[in-house]
Amino acid sequence: MDWIRDFAVAACGVRLKGKNSLPKELTWTETDREKLSTTIIKLCQDAQHLLQKDGRVIKVNSPTYVFGDIHGNLHDLITYEQILWDKGPACVRTSILFLGDYVDRGEFGIECIMYLLACKVLNPDKFYLLRGNHELRPIQTVFTFQKECFEKFGKNIGQTIWEKCNEVFDILPLCAVIDDSVFIAHWCIPTSATKIEELYNIPVPLINPENKSPAAWEILWNDPVSAKEFSDYAEMIRLQGESSALSSLQRFLPNTKRGTAYYFNEDAVAKFLSANNFSHIIRAHEMFPPRYQFHMGGKVTSVFSSSKYCNGNNEAVAIFVEQQRIRVFQIQTW
């Protein structure tokens, strides 16, 4: 699997030492496409076998580097390699945990997921991948990943590649716990489950979490809000005459921004941490310029690891966790 990781690097003109620019289009030959499609399918099968062993909740020991959204930003991903595992994935000493949203919006979603799955296969006990809300078929059809597969491989092969990638996404773990203390997920805590043990029973594979697992859907979509925001949303719901939404929920409110799932407040975080004897929560999904955001008195941290997101000026950051110490550091990627 080393060569497919290396191809992901070379395909977009990135070199481990040197080039910092990416071409707008790939110029793969038909031979490249056929060889890649065969290898990608095999890579997906190998990754599925390993990921099924990880289960729905993975236990990770520190020291651990935690990365947020990638969104097809292969240049940043290769920069992380230069800094943290420059001798290759098989030689990494710390655990490496990615929190989802590997595809969509960026130009190199296929290369990013190929690279990460190859790293997982090469060192399964050190590389860990969680599912984000962009590892869902309906989201990818609205955004860019399905289109990217079709454009790079043609409609027929592209459809197969897209499906095989999503079969991997269907079994990705939904959350992780570092040192039995720090809870990690792409979004955050669920409304439908209080104890971490309840999440082990989420079905595998999970093609349609919205209909098949409320807890999984909420992990992928729930939003933290400040006390003032929570109060404002509650008042808005009350004025709209939806008192049942307030009476049936405690510490959670319907997520009006997303149109699905829930907002949660600091009390919800405190209850979840106490019920599971956790100290902190780390999540991804939201980009807070210029780098990251602390919520709920520092108990919740949002991390985003794709720089210049959607042509913006944000910087890429990661989190280093070691024995309940959580440190955020900026990564110079451009």
C-alpha atoms as a PDB file:
ATOM      1  CA  MET A   1       0.000   0.000   0.000  1.00  0.00           C
ATOM      2  CA  ASP A   2       3.003   2.337   0.099  1.00  0.00           C
ATOM      3  CA  TRP A   3       2.702   3.064  -3.613  1.00  0.00           C
ATOM      4  CA  ILE A   4      -0.921   4.238  -3.442  1.00  0.00           C
ATOM      5  CA  ARG A   5      -0.003   6.628  -0.631  1.00  0.00           C
ATOM      6  CA  ASP A   6       2.897   7.878  -2.741  1.00  0.00           C
ATOM      7  CA  PHE A   7       0.635   8.176  -5.791  1.00  0.00           C
ATOM      8  CA  ALA A   8      -1.752  10.337  -3.796  1.00  0.00           C
ATOM      9  CA  VAL A   9       1.151  12.662  -3.112  1.00  0.00           C
ATOM     10  CA  ALA A  10       2.524  12.660  -6.667  1.00  0.00           C
ATOM     11  CA  ALA A  11      -0.871  12.910  -8.379  1.00  0.00           C
ATOM     12  CA  CYS A  12      -1.327  16.500  -7.304  1.00  0.00           C
ATOM     13  CA  GLY A  13       2.264  17.637  -7.762  1.00  0.00           C
ATOM     14  CA  VAL A  14       3.140  17.686  -4.086  1.00  0.00           C
ATOM     15  CA  ARG A  15       6.589  16.444  -3.086  1.00  0.00           C
ATOM     16  CA  LEU A  16       7.681  15.664   0.433  1.00  0.00           C
ATOM     17  CA  LYS A  17      10.397  18.274  -0.039  1.00  0.00           C
ATOM     18  CA  GLY A  18       9.643  21.264  -2.179  1.00  0.00           C
ATOM     19  CA  LYS A  19       6.592  22.134  -4.263  1.00  0.00           C
ATOM     20  CA  ASN A  20       3.832  24.067  -2.576  1.00  0.00           C
ATOM     21  CA  SER A  21       1.464  24.542  -5.525  1.00  0.00           C
ATOM     22  CA  LEU A  22      -1.279  22.262  -6.756  1.00  0.00           C
ATOM     23  CA  PRO A  23      -2.541  21.985 -10.347  1.00  0.00           C
ATOM     24  CA  LYS A  24      -6.227  22.645 -10.877  1.00  0.00           C
ATOM     25  CA  GLU A  25      -6.756  19.448 -12.858  1.00  0.00           C
ATOM     26  CA  LEU A  26      -5.272  15.967 -12.826  1.00  0.00           C
ATOM     27  CA  THR A  27      -4.122  14.440 -16.102  1.00  0.00           C
ATOM     28  CA  TRP A  28      -4.460  10.722 -15.436  1.00  0.00           C
ATOM     29  CA  THR A  29      -4.262   8.288 -18.354  1.00  0.00           C
ATOM     30  CA  GLU A  30      -6.755   5.457 -18.837  1.00  0.00           C
ATOM     31  CA  THR A  31      -4.074   3.056 -17.606  1.00  0.00           C
ATOM     32  CA  ASP A  32      -3.728   5.125 -14.443  1.00  0.00           C
ATOM     33  CA  ARG A  33      -7.480   5.029 -13.902  1.00  0.00           C
ATOM     34  CA  GLU A  34      -7.746   1.281 -14.378  1.00  0.00           C
ATOM     35  CA  LYS A  35      -4.793   0.548 -12.128  1.00  0.00           C
ATOM     36  CA  LEU A  36      -6.018   2.971  -9.480  1.00  0.00           C
ATOM     37  CA  SER A  37      -9.598   1.725  -9.505  1.00  0.00           C
ATOM     38  CA  THR A  38      -8.448  -1.866  -8.959  1.00  0.00           C
ATOM     39  CA  THR A  39      -6.119  -0.833  -6.154  1.00  0.00           C
ATOM     40  CA  ILE A  40      -8.614   1.500  -4.512  1.00  0.00           C
ATOM     41  CA  ILE A  41     -11.165  -1.304  -4.341  1.00  0.00           C
ATOM     42  CA  LYS A  42      -8.571  -3.595  -2.733  1.00  0.00           C
ATOM     43  CA  LEU A  43      -7.520  -0.828  -0.349  1.00  0.00           C
ATOM     44  CA  CYS A  44     -11.136  -0.230   0.675  1.00  0.00           C
ATOM     45  CA  GLN A  45     -11.603  -3.950   1.348  1.00  0.00           C
ATOM     46  CA  ASP A  46      -8.467  -4.126   3.477  1.00  0.00           C
ATOM     47  CA  ALA A  47      -9.463  -0.978   5.367  1.00  0.00           C
ATOM     48  CA  GLN A  48     -12.982  -2.317   6.000  1.00  0.00           C
ATOM     49  CA  HIS A  49     -11.544  -5.447   7.568  1.00  0.00           C
ATOM     50  CA  LEU A  50      -9.410  -3.390   9.950  1.00  0.00           C
ATOM     51  CA  LEU A  51     -12.047  -0.764  10.744  1.00  0.00           C
ATOM     52  CA  GLN A  52     -14.596  -3.400  11.725  1.00  0.00           C
ATOM     53  CA  LYS A  53     -12.192  -4.403  14.477  1.00  0.00           C
ATOM     54  CA  ASP A  54     -12.131  -0.811  15.763  1.00  0.00           C
ATOM     55  CA  GLY A  55     -15.881  -0.859  16.452  1.00  0.00           C
ATOM     56  CA  ARG A  56     -18.122   2.127  17.085  1.00  0.00           C
ATOM     57  CA  VAL A  57     -16.089   3.560  19.978  1.00  0.00           C
ATOM     58  CA  ILE A  58     -12.315   3.309  19.899  1.00  0.00           C
ATOM     59  CA  LYS A  59     -10.018   3.477  22.902  1.00  0.00           C
ATOM     60  CA  VAL A  60      -6.774   5.333  22.253  1.00  0.00           C
ATOM     61  CA  ASN A  61      -3.755   5.809  24.487  1.00  0.00           C
ATOM     62  CA  SER A  62      -1.859   9.081  24.614  1.00  0.00           C
ATOM     63  CA  PRO A  63       0.284  10.695  23.408  1.00  0.00           C
ATOM     64  CA  THR A  64      -2.136  11.406  20.561  1.00  0.00           C
ATOM     65  CA  TYR A  65      -2.314  14.038  17.831  1.00  0.00           C
ATOM     66  CA  VAL A  66      -5.904  14.958  16.975  1.00  0.00           C
ATOM     67  CA  PHE A  67      -6.793  16.473  13.589  1.00  0.00           C
ATOM     68  CA  GLY A  68     -10.063  18.092  12.579  1.00  0.00           C
ATOM     69  CA  ASP A  69     -11.594  18.513   9.128  1.00  0.00           C
ATOM     70  CA  ILE A  70      -9.382  17.893   6.071  1.00  0.00           C
ATOM     71  CA  HIS A  71     -11.916  18.497   3.239  1.00  0.00           C
ATOM     72  CA  GLY A  72      -9.768  17.396   0.331  1.00  0.00           C
ATOM     73  CA  ASN A  73      -6.759  19.497   1.363  1.00  0.00           C
ATOM     74  CA  LEU A  74      -3.975  17.101   0.399  1.00  0.00           C
ATOM     75  CA  HIS A  75      -1.248  19.718   0.694  1.00  0.00           C
ATOM     76  CA  ASP A  76      -1.960  20.148   4.412  1.00  0.00           C
ATOM     77  CA  LEU A  77      -2.125  16.388   4.890  1.00  0.00           C
ATOM     78  CA  ILE A  78       1.329  15.933   3.366  1.00  0.00           C
ATOM     79  CA  THR A  79       2.630  18.763   5.537  1.00  0.00           C
ATOM     80  CA  TYR A  80       1.433  16.837   8.603  1.00  0.00           C
ATOM     81  CA  GLU A  81       3.404  13.851   7.350  1.00  0.00           C
ATOM     82  CA  GLN A  82       6.541  15.967   6.993  1.00  0.00           C
ATOM     83  CA  ILE A  83       6.189  17.115  10.588  1.00  0.00           C
ATOM     84  CA  LEU A  84       4.957  14.007  12.405  1.00  0.00           C
ATOM     85  CA  TRP A  85       5.612  10.840  10.401  1.00  0.00           C
ATOM     86  CA  ASP A  86       8.245  11.788   7.856  1.00  0.00           C
ATOM     87  CA  LYS A  87       9.676   8.244   7.804  1.00  0.00           C
ATOM     88  CA  GLY A  88       6.285   6.846   6.790  1.00  0.00           C
ATOM     89  CA  PRO A  89       3.083   5.715   8.530  1.00  0.00           C
ATOM     90  CA  ALA A  90       4.614   2.441   9.716  1.00  0.00           C
ATOM     91  CA  CYS A  91       7.156   4.346  11.825  1.00  0.00           C
ATOM     92  CA  VAL A  92       4.860   6.734  13.683  1.00  0.00           C
ATOM     93  CA  ARG A  93       5.266   6.535  17.463  1.00  0.00           C
ATOM     94  CA  THR A  94       2.314   8.552  18.718  1.00  0.00           C
ATOM     95  CA  SER A  95      -1.318   7.803  17.962  1.00  0.00           C
ATOM     96  CA  ILE A  96      -2.825   9.845  15.109  1.00  0.00           C
ATOM     97  CA  LEU A  97      -6.572  10.475  15.232  1.00  0.00           C
ATOM     98  CA  PHE A  98      -8.584  12.136  12.443  1.00  0.00           C
ATOM     99  CA  LEU A  99     -12.112  13.345  13.217  1.00  0.00           C
ATOM    100  CA  GLY A 100     -13.819  13.073   9.823  1.00  0.00           C
ATOM    101  CA  ASP A 101     -14.829  15.287   6.905  1.00  0.00           C
ATOM    102  CA  TYR A 102     -12.067  13.986   4.656  1.00  0.00           C
ATOM    103  CA  VAL A 103     -13.916  14.769   1.417  1.00  0.00           C
ATOM    104  CA  ASP A 104     -16.067  17.504  -0.198  1.00  0.00           C
ATOM    105  CA  ARG A 105     -15.236  21.144  -0.908  1.00  0.00           C
ATOM    106  CA  GLY A 106     -11.517  20.549  -1.570  1.00  0.00           C
ATOM    107  CA  GLU A 107     -10.125  19.341  -4.900  1.00  0.00           C
ATOM    108  CA  PHE A 108      -8.400  16.198  -3.646  1.00  0.00           C
ATOM    109  CA  GLY A 109     -10.978  14.237  -1.677  1.00  0.00           C
ATOM    110  CA  ILE A 110     -10.122  10.944  -3.395  1.00  0.00           C
ATOM    111  CA  GLU A 111      -6.397  11.420  -2.816  1.00  0.00           C
ATOM    112  CA  CYS A 112      -6.974  12.336   0.839  1.00  0.00           C
ATOM    113  CA  ILE A 113      -9.106   9.308   1.630  1.00  0.00           C
ATOM    114  CA  MET A 114      -6.732   7.026  -0.323  1.00  0.00           C
ATOM    115  CA  TYR A 115      -3.810   8.414   1.652  1.00  0.00           C
ATOM    116  CA  LEU A 116      -5.522   8.028   5.034  1.00  0.00           C
ATOM    117  CA  LEU A 117      -6.782   4.509   4.346  1.00  0.00           C
ATOM    118  CA  ALA A 118      -3.290   3.502   3.210  1.00  0.00           C
ATOM    119  CA  CYS A 119      -1.895   4.905   6.471  1.00  0.00           C
ATOM    120  CA  LYS A 120      -4.513   2.927   8.407  1.00  0.00           C
ATOM    121  CA  VAL A 121      -3.597  -0.297   6.612  1.00  0.00           C
ATOM    122  CA  LEU A 122       0.136   0.297   7.068  1.00  0.00           C
ATOM    123  CA  ASN A 123      -0.143   1.056  10.801  1.00  0.00           C
ATOM    124  CA  PRO A 124      -3.611   0.101  12.112  1.00  0.00           C
ATOM    125  CA  ASP A 125      -2.697   0.421  15.786  1.00  0.00           C
ATOM    126  CA  LYS A 126      -1.555   4.038  15.467  1.00  0.00           C
ATOM    127  CA  PHE A 127      -3.802   5.620  12.810  1.00  0.00           C
ATOM    128  CA  TYR A 128      -7.484   6.070  13.635  1.00  0.00           C
ATOM    129  CA  LEU A 129     -10.274   7.566  11.528  1.00  0.00           C
ATOM    130  CA  LEU A 130     -13.696   8.736  12.735  1.00  0.00           C
ATOM    131  CA  ARG A 131     -16.755   9.478  10.633  1.00  0.00           C
ATOM    132  CA  GLY A 132     -17.839  13.038   9.929  1.00  0.00           C
ATOM    133  CA  ASN A 133     -21.087  14.352   8.500  1.00  0.00           C
ATOM    134  CA  HIS A 134     -19.500  14.562   5.024  1.00  0.00           C
ATOM    135  CA  GLU A 135     -18.951  10.813   5.091  1.00  0.00           C
ATOM    136  CA  LEU A 136     -22.645  10.530   4.219  1.00  0.00           C
ATOM    137  CA  ARG A 137     -23.950   9.899   0.694  1.00  0.00           C
ATOM    138  CA  PRO A 138     -26.687  12.603   0.682  1.00  0.00           C
ATOM    139  CA  ILE A 139     -24.169  15.256   1.740  1.00  0.00           C
ATOM    140  CA  GLN A 140     -21.642  14.219  -0.923  1.00  0.00           C
ATOM    141  CA  THR A 141     -24.240  14.422  -3.693  1.00  0.00           C
ATOM    142  CA  VAL A 142     -25.010  18.006  -2.674  1.00  0.00           C
ATOM    143  CA  PHE A 143     -21.350  18.970  -2.344  1.00  0.00           C
ATOM    144  CA  THR A 144     -18.416  17.733  -4.456  1.00  0.00           C
ATOM    145  CA  PHE A 145     -17.160  14.230  -3.648  1.00  0.00           C
ATOM    146  CA  GLN A 146     -19.482  12.277  -5.923  1.00  0.00           C
ATOM    147  CA  LYS A 147     -18.839  14.728  -8.748  1.00  0.00           C
ATOM    148  CA  GLU A 148     -15.090  14.473  -8.128  1.00  0.00           C
ATOM    149  CA  CYS A 149     -15.225  10.670  -8.467  1.00  0.00           C
ATOM    150  CA  PHE A 150     -17.107  10.975 -11.781  1.00  0.00           C
ATOM    151  CA  GLU A 151     -14.775  13.645 -13.173  1.00  0.00           C
ATOM    152  CA  LYS A 152     -11.570  11.801 -12.298  1.00  0.00           C
ATOM    153  CA  PHE A 153     -12.636   8.251 -13.178  1.00  0.00           C
ATOM    154  CA  GLY A 154     -15.580   8.615 -15.550  1.00  0.00           C
ATOM    155  CA  LYS A 155     -19.220   7.856 -14.699  1.00  0.00           C
ATOM    156  CA  ASN A 156     -19.024   4.053 -14.493  1.00  0.00           C
ATOM    157  CA  ILE A 157     -15.727   3.593 -12.648  1.00  0.00           C
ATOM    158  CA  GLY A 158     -16.398   6.761 -10.659  1.00  0.00           C
ATOM    159  CA  GLN A 159     -19.689   5.368  -9.375  1.00  0.00           C
ATOM    160  CA  THR A 160     -17.910   2.202  -8.216  1.00  0.00           C
ATOM    161  CA  ILE A 161     -15.157   4.192  -6.492  1.00  0.00           C
ATOM    162  CA  TRP A 162     -17.719   6.411  -4.789  1.00  0.00           C
ATOM    163  CA  GLU A 163     -19.699   3.432  -3.525  1.00  0.00           C
ATOM    164  CA  LYS A 164     -16.607   1.586  -2.288  1.00  0.00           C
ATOM    165  CA  CYS A 165     -15.435   4.667  -0.381  1.00  0.00           C
ATOM    166  CA  ASN A 166     -18.859   5.005   1.200  1.00  0.00           C
ATOM    167  CA  GLU A 167     -18.913   1.354   2.203  1.00  0.00           C
ATOM    168  CA  VAL A 168     -15.809   2.184   4.224  1.00  0.00           C
ATOM    169  CA  PHE A 169     -17.456   5.313   5.629  1.00  0.00           C
ATOM    170  CA  ASP A 170     -20.447   3.214   6.745  1.00  0.00           C
ATOM    171  CA  ILE A 171     -18.292   1.305   9.223  1.00  0.00           C
ATOM    172  CA  LEU A 172     -16.046   4.130  10.448  1.00  0.00           C
ATOM    173  CA  PRO A 173     -16.037   4.556  14.240  1.00  0.00           C
ATOM    174  CA  LEU A 174     -18.189   7.411  15.475  1.00  0.00           C
ATOM    175  CA  CYS A 175     -16.198   8.490  18.513  1.00  0.00           C
ATOM    176  CA  ALA A 176     -13.063   7.821  20.523  1.00  0.00           C
ATOM    177  CA  VAL A 177     -11.894   8.067  24.108  1.00  0.00           C
ATOM    178  CA  ILE A 178      -8.286   8.954  24.902  1.00  0.00           C
ATOM    179  CA  ASP A 179      -6.876   7.546  28.163  1.00  0.00           C
ATOM    180  CA  ASP A 180     -10.442   6.808  29.351  1.00  0.00           C
ATOM    181  CA  SER A 181     -10.751  10.549  29.942  1.00  0.00           C
ATOM    182  CA  VAL A 182     -11.118  12.684  26.796  1.00  0.00           C
ATOM    183  CA  PHE A 183     -14.187  12.138  24.594  1.00  0.00           C
ATOM    184  CA  ILE A 184     -13.617  12.735  20.866  1.00  0.00           C
ATOM    185  CA  ALA A 185     -16.183  13.008  18.055  1.00  0.00           C
ATOM    186  CA  HIS A 186     -16.712  14.932  14.826  1.00  0.00           C
ATOM    187  CA  TRP A 187     -19.594  16.949  16.228  1.00  0.00           C
ATOM    188  CA  CYS A 188     -20.201  16.288  19.883  1.00  0.00           C
ATOM    189  CA  ILE A 189     -22.312  14.597  22.532  1.00  0.00           C
ATOM    190  CA  PRO A 190     -25.567  12.847  21.604  1.00  0.00           C
ATOM    191  CA  THR A 191     -29.004  13.627  22.966  1.00  0.00           C
ATOM    192  CA  SER A 192     -30.204  10.014  22.829  1.00  0.00           C
ATOM    193  CA  ALA A 193     -27.440   8.474  24.940  1.00  0.00           C
ATOM    194  CA  THR A 194     -25.911   9.497  28.248  1.00  0.00           C
ATOM    195  CA  LYS A 195     -23.464   6.651  28.868  1.00  0.00           C
ATOM    196  CA  ILE A 196     -20.647   5.801  26.492  1.00  0.00           C
ATOM    197  CA  GLU A 197     -21.593   2.104  26.729  1.00  0.00           C
ATOM    198  CA  GLU A 198     -24.819   2.856  24.847  1.00  0.00           C
ATOM    199  CA  LEU A 199     -22.833   3.861  21.770  1.00  0.00           C
ATOM    200  CA  TYR A 200     -21.204   0.445  21.393  1.00  0.00           C
ATOM    201  CA  ASN A 201     -24.546  -0.935  20.196  1.00  0.00           C
ATOM    202  CA  ILE A 202     -24.908   1.396  17.197  1.00  0.00           C
ATOM    203  CA  PRO A 203     -25.341  -0.821  14.100  1.00  0.00           C
ATOM    204  CA  VAL A 204     -22.453  -1.706  11.787  1.00  0.00           C
ATOM    205  CA  PRO A 205     -22.584  -0.922   8.895  1.00  0.00           C
ATOM    206  CA  LEU A 206     -24.646   2.245   9.177  1.00  0.00           C
ATOM    207  CA  ILE A 207     -25.789   3.465   5.779  1.00  0.00           C
ATOM    208  CA  ASN A 208     -28.553   5.801   6.931  1.00  0.00           C
ATOM    209  CA  PRO A 209     -27.851   7.039  10.473  1.00  0.00           C
ATOM    210  CA  GLU A 210     -30.677   9.577  10.386  1.00  0.00           C
ATOM    211  CA  ASN A 211     -33.247   6.777  10.298  1.00  0.00           C
ATOM    212  CA  LYS A 212     -31.337   3.900  11.859  1.00  0.00           C
ATOM    213  CA  SER A 213     -29.568   5.448  14.864  1.00  0.00           C
ATOM    214  CA  PRO A 214     -30.607   8.716  16.535  1.00  0.00           C
ATOM    215  CA  ALA A 215     -27.480   8.684  18.719  1.00  0.00           C
ATOM    216  CA  ALA A 216     -25.184   8.339  15.684  1.00  0.00           C
ATOM    217  CA  TRP A 217     -27.016  11.120  13.852  1.00  0.00           C
ATOM    218  CA  GLU A 218     -26.699  13.415  16.850  1.00  0.00           C
ATOM    219  CA  ILE A 219     -22.964  12.700  17.201  1.00  0.00           C
ATOM    220  CA  LEU A 220     -22.637  13.848  13.595  1.00  0.00           C
ATOM    221  CA  TRP A 221     -24.827  16.964  13.890  1.00  0.00           C
ATOM    222  CA  ASN A 222     -25.316  18.307  17.462  1.00  0.00           C
ATOM    223  CA  ASP A 223     -23.942  21.818  18.138  1.00  0.00           C
ATOM    224  CA  PRO A 224     -22.588  23.375  21.364  1.00  0.00           C
ATOM    225  CA  VAL A 225     -23.916  26.865  22.144  1.00  0.00           C
ATOM    226  CA  SER A 226     -23.209  29.424  24.843  1.00  0.00           C
ATOM    227  CA  ALA A 227     -25.586  30.045  27.738  1.00  0.00           C
ATOM    228  CA  LYS A 228     -26.866  33.232  26.090  1.00  0.00           C
ATOM    229  CA  GLU A 229     -27.393  31.537  22.728  1.00  0.00           C
ATOM    230  CA  PHE A 230     -29.215  28.665  24.405  1.00  0.00           C
ATOM    231  CA  SER A 231     -31.472  31.122  26.248  1.00  0.00           C
ATOM    232  CA  ASP A 232     -32.173  33.051  23.034  1.00  0.00           C
ATOM    233  CA  TYR A 233     -33.046  29.870  21.115  1.00  0.00           C
ATOM    234  CA  ALA A 234     -35.325  28.714  23.945  1.00  0.00           C
ATOM    235  CA  GLU A 235     -37.154  32.044  23.920  1.00  0.00           C
ATOM    236  CA  MET A 236     -37.545  31.905  20.138  1.00  0.00           C
ATOM    237  CA  ILE A 237     -39.042  28.420  20.358  1.00  0.00           C
ATOM    238  CA  ARG A 238     -41.387  29.548  23.155  1.00  0.00           C
ATOM    239  CA  LEU A 239     -42.579  32.529  21.123  1.00  0.00           C
ATOM    240  CA  GLN A 240     -43.261  30.229  18.187  1.00  0.00           C
ATOM    241  CA  GLY A 241     -45.610  28.268  20.405  1.00  0.00           C
ATOM    242  CA  GLU A 242     -43.565  25.084  20.357  1.00  0.00           C
ATOM    243  CA  SER A 243     -43.642  24.536  24.113  1.00  0.00           C
ATOM    244  CA  SER A 244     -43.518  20.751  23.688  1.00  0.00           C
ATOM    245  CA  ALA A 245     -39.990  21.071  22.315  1.00  0.00           C
ATOM    246  CA  LEU A 246     -38.959  22.765  25.552  1.00  0.00           C
ATOM    247  CA  SER A 247     -40.786  20.474  27.953  1.00  0.00           C
ATOM    248  CA  SER A 248     -39.563  17.228  26.371  1.00  0.00           C
ATOM    249  CA  LEU A 249     -35.886  18.206  26.355  1.00  0.00           C
ATOM    250  CA  GLN A 250     -33.489  19.139  29.116  1.00  0.00           C
ATOM    251  CA  ARG A 251     -30.208  20.846  28.295  1.00  0.00           C
ATOM    252  CA  PHE A 252     -30.943  20.346  24.567  1.00  0.00           C
ATOM    253  CA  LEU A 253     -32.983  22.318  22.007  1.00  0.00           C
ATOM    254  CA  PRO A 254     -33.932  21.644  18.363  1.00  0.00           C
ATOM    255  CA  ASN A 255     -31.105  22.825  16.093  1.00  0.00           C
ATOM    256  CA  THR A 256     -32.748  25.552  14.031  1.00  0.00           C
ATOM    257  CA  LYS A 257     -29.531  26.395  12.159  1.00  0.00           C
ATOM    258  CA  ARG A 258     -29.041  22.861  10.806  1.00  0.00           C
ATOM    259  CA  GLY A 259     -32.700  21.944  10.539  1.00  0.00           C
ATOM    260  CA  THR A 260     -31.844  18.646  12.261  1.00  0.00           C
ATOM    261  CA  ALA A 261     -30.462  17.333  15.565  1.00  0.00           C
ATOM    262  CA  TYR A 262     -29.964  19.592  18.614  1.00  0.00           C
ATOM    263  CA  TYR A 263     -28.172  22.415  20.334  1.00  0.00           C
ATOM    264  CA  PHE A 264     -26.758  21.608  23.775  1.00  0.00           C
ATOM    265  CA  ASN A 265     -25.579  23.782  26.639  1.00  0.00           C
ATOM    266  CA  GLU A 266     -22.913  23.650  29.323  1.00  0.00           C
ATOM    267  CA  ASP A 267     -25.182  21.692  31.667  1.00  0.00           C
ATOM    268  CA  ALA A 268     -25.469  18.942  29.042  1.00  0.00           C
ATOM    269  CA  VAL A 269     -21.691  18.805  28.792  1.00  0.00           C
ATOM    270  CA  ALA A 270     -21.277  18.671  32.572  1.00  0.00           C
ATOM    271  CA  LYS A 271     -23.788  15.817  32.853  1.00  0.00           C
ATOM    272  CA  PHE A 272     -22.161  13.810  30.052  1.00  0.00           C
ATOM    273  CA  LEU A 273     -18.661  14.273  31.469  1.00  0.00           C
ATOM    274  CA  SER A 274     -19.793  13.341  34.978  1.00  0.00           C
ATOM    275  CA  ALA A 275     -21.783  10.284  33.852  1.00  0.00           C
ATOM    276  CA  ASN A 276     -18.739   8.871  32.065  1.00  0.00           C
ATOM    277  CA  ASN A 277     -15.968  10.170  34.314  1.00  0.00           C
ATOM    278  CA  PHE A 278     -14.501  12.179  31.433  1.00  0.00           C
ATOM    279  CA  SER A 279     -12.560  15.411  31.791  1.00  0.00           C
ATOM    280  CA  HIS A 280     -12.849  17.074  28.352  1.00  0.00           C
ATOM    281  CA  ILE A 281     -14.399  16.874  24.894  1.00  0.00           C
ATOM    282  CA  ILE A 282     -12.642  17.528  21.578  1.00  0.00           C
ATOM    283  CA  ARG A 283     -14.670  18.003  18.416  1.00  0.00           C
ATOM    284  CA  ALA A 284     -14.169  19.181  14.838  1.00  0.00           C
ATOM    285  CA  HIS A 285     -16.602  20.373  12.145  1.00  0.00           C
ATOM    286  CA  GLU A 286     -16.621  24.140  12.685  1.00  0.00           C
ATOM    287  CA  MET A 287     -13.945  26.555  11.544  1.00  0.00           C
ATOM    288  CA  PHE A 288     -13.475  29.422  13.988  1.00  0.00           C
ATOM    289  CA  PRO A 289     -11.140  32.080  12.505  1.00  0.00           C
ATOM    290  CA  PRO A 290      -8.290  32.169  12.743  1.00  0.00           C
ATOM    291  CA  ARG A 291      -7.687  28.736  14.280  1.00  0.00           C
ATOM    292  CA  TYR A 292      -9.792  27.074  16.994  1.00  0.00           C
ATOM    293  CA  GLN A 293     -12.339  27.684  19.736  1.00  0.00           C
ATOM    294  CA  PHE A 294     -12.804  26.772  23.402  1.00  0.00           C
ATOM    295  CA  HIS A 295     -16.376  26.287  24.624  1.00  0.00           C
ATOM    296  CA  MET A 296     -18.109  25.595  27.923  1.00  0.00           C
ATOM    297  CA  GLY A 297     -15.402  26.991  30.162  1.00  0.00           C
ATOM    298  CA  GLY A 298     -12.677  25.144  28.273  1.00  0.00           C
ATOM    299  CA  LYS A 299     -14.306  21.723  28.640  1.00  0.00           C
ATOM    300  CA  VAL A 300     -15.017  21.543  24.878  1.00  0.00           C
ATOM    301  CA  THR A 301     -12.457  22.365  22.178  1.00  0.00           C
ATOM    302  CA  SER A 302     -13.175  22.707  18.452  1.00  0.00           C
ATOM    303  CA  VAL A 303     -10.286  21.930  16.078  1.00  0.00           C
ATOM    304  CA  PHE A 304     -10.103  22.515  12.316  1.00  0.00           C
ATOM    305  CA  SER A 305      -7.151  21.202  10.303  1.00  0.00           C
ATOM    306  CA  SER A 306      -7.664  22.483   6.759  1.00  0.00           C
ATOM    307  CA  SER A 307      -5.988  25.831   6.141  1.00  0.00           C
ATOM    308  CA  LYS A 308      -7.351  28.496   3.776  1.00  0.00           C
ATOM    309  CA  TYR A 309     -10.712  26.753   3.919  1.00  0.00           C
ATOM    310  CA  CYS A 310     -12.986  27.727   1.019  1.00  0.00           C
ATOM    311  CA  ASN A 311     -10.374  30.318  -0.068  1.00  0.00           C
ATOM    312  CA  GLY A 312     -10.343  31.898   3.373  1.00  0.00           C
ATOM    313  CA  ASN A 313      -7.401  32.946   5.535  1.00  0.00           C
ATOM    314  CA  ASN A 314      -7.724  30.484   8.408  1.00  0.00           C
ATOM    315  CA  GLU A 315      -4.743  28.582   9.728  1.00  0.00           C
ATOM    316  CA  ALA A 316      -4.578  24.835  10.315  1.00  0.00           C
ATOM    317  CA  VAL A 317      -4.317  23.522  13.876  1.00  0.00           C
ATOM    318  CA  ALA A 318      -4.115  20.185  15.632  1.00  0.00           C
ATOM    319  CA  ILE A 319      -4.364  19.100  19.253  1.00  0.00           C
ATOM    320  CA  PHE A 320      -1.814  17.149  21.238  1.00  0.00           C
ATOM    321  CA  VAL A 321      -3.182  15.088  24.112  1.00  0.00           C
ATOM    322  CA  GLU A 322      -0.860  13.579  26.701  1.00  0.00           C
ATOM    323  CA  GLN A 323      -2.002  12.330  30.100  1.00  0.00           C
ATOM    324  CA  GLN A 324      -5.017  14.676  30.295  1.00  0.00           C
ATOM    325  CA  ARG A 325      -2.964  17.647  29.116  1.00  0.00           C
ATOM    326  CA  ILE A 326      -4.514  19.197  26.006  1.00  0.00           C
ATOM    327  CA  ARG A 327      -2.414  21.540  23.906  1.00  0.00           C
ATOM    328  CA  VAL A 328      -3.456  23.276  20.690  1.00  0.00           C
ATOM    329  CA  PHE A 329      -0.749  24.072  18.171  1.00  0.00           C
ATOM    330  CA  GLN A 330      -0.721  25.861  14.840  1.00  0.00           C
ATOM    331  CA  ILE A 331       0.751  24.102  11.822  1.00  0.00           C
ATOM    332  CA  GLN A 332       2.449  26.224   9.181  1.00  0.00           C
ATOM    333  CA  THR A 333       1.145  24.687   5.959  1.00  0.00           C
ATOM    334  CA  TRP A 334       1.644  27.373   3.284  1.00  0.00           C
END
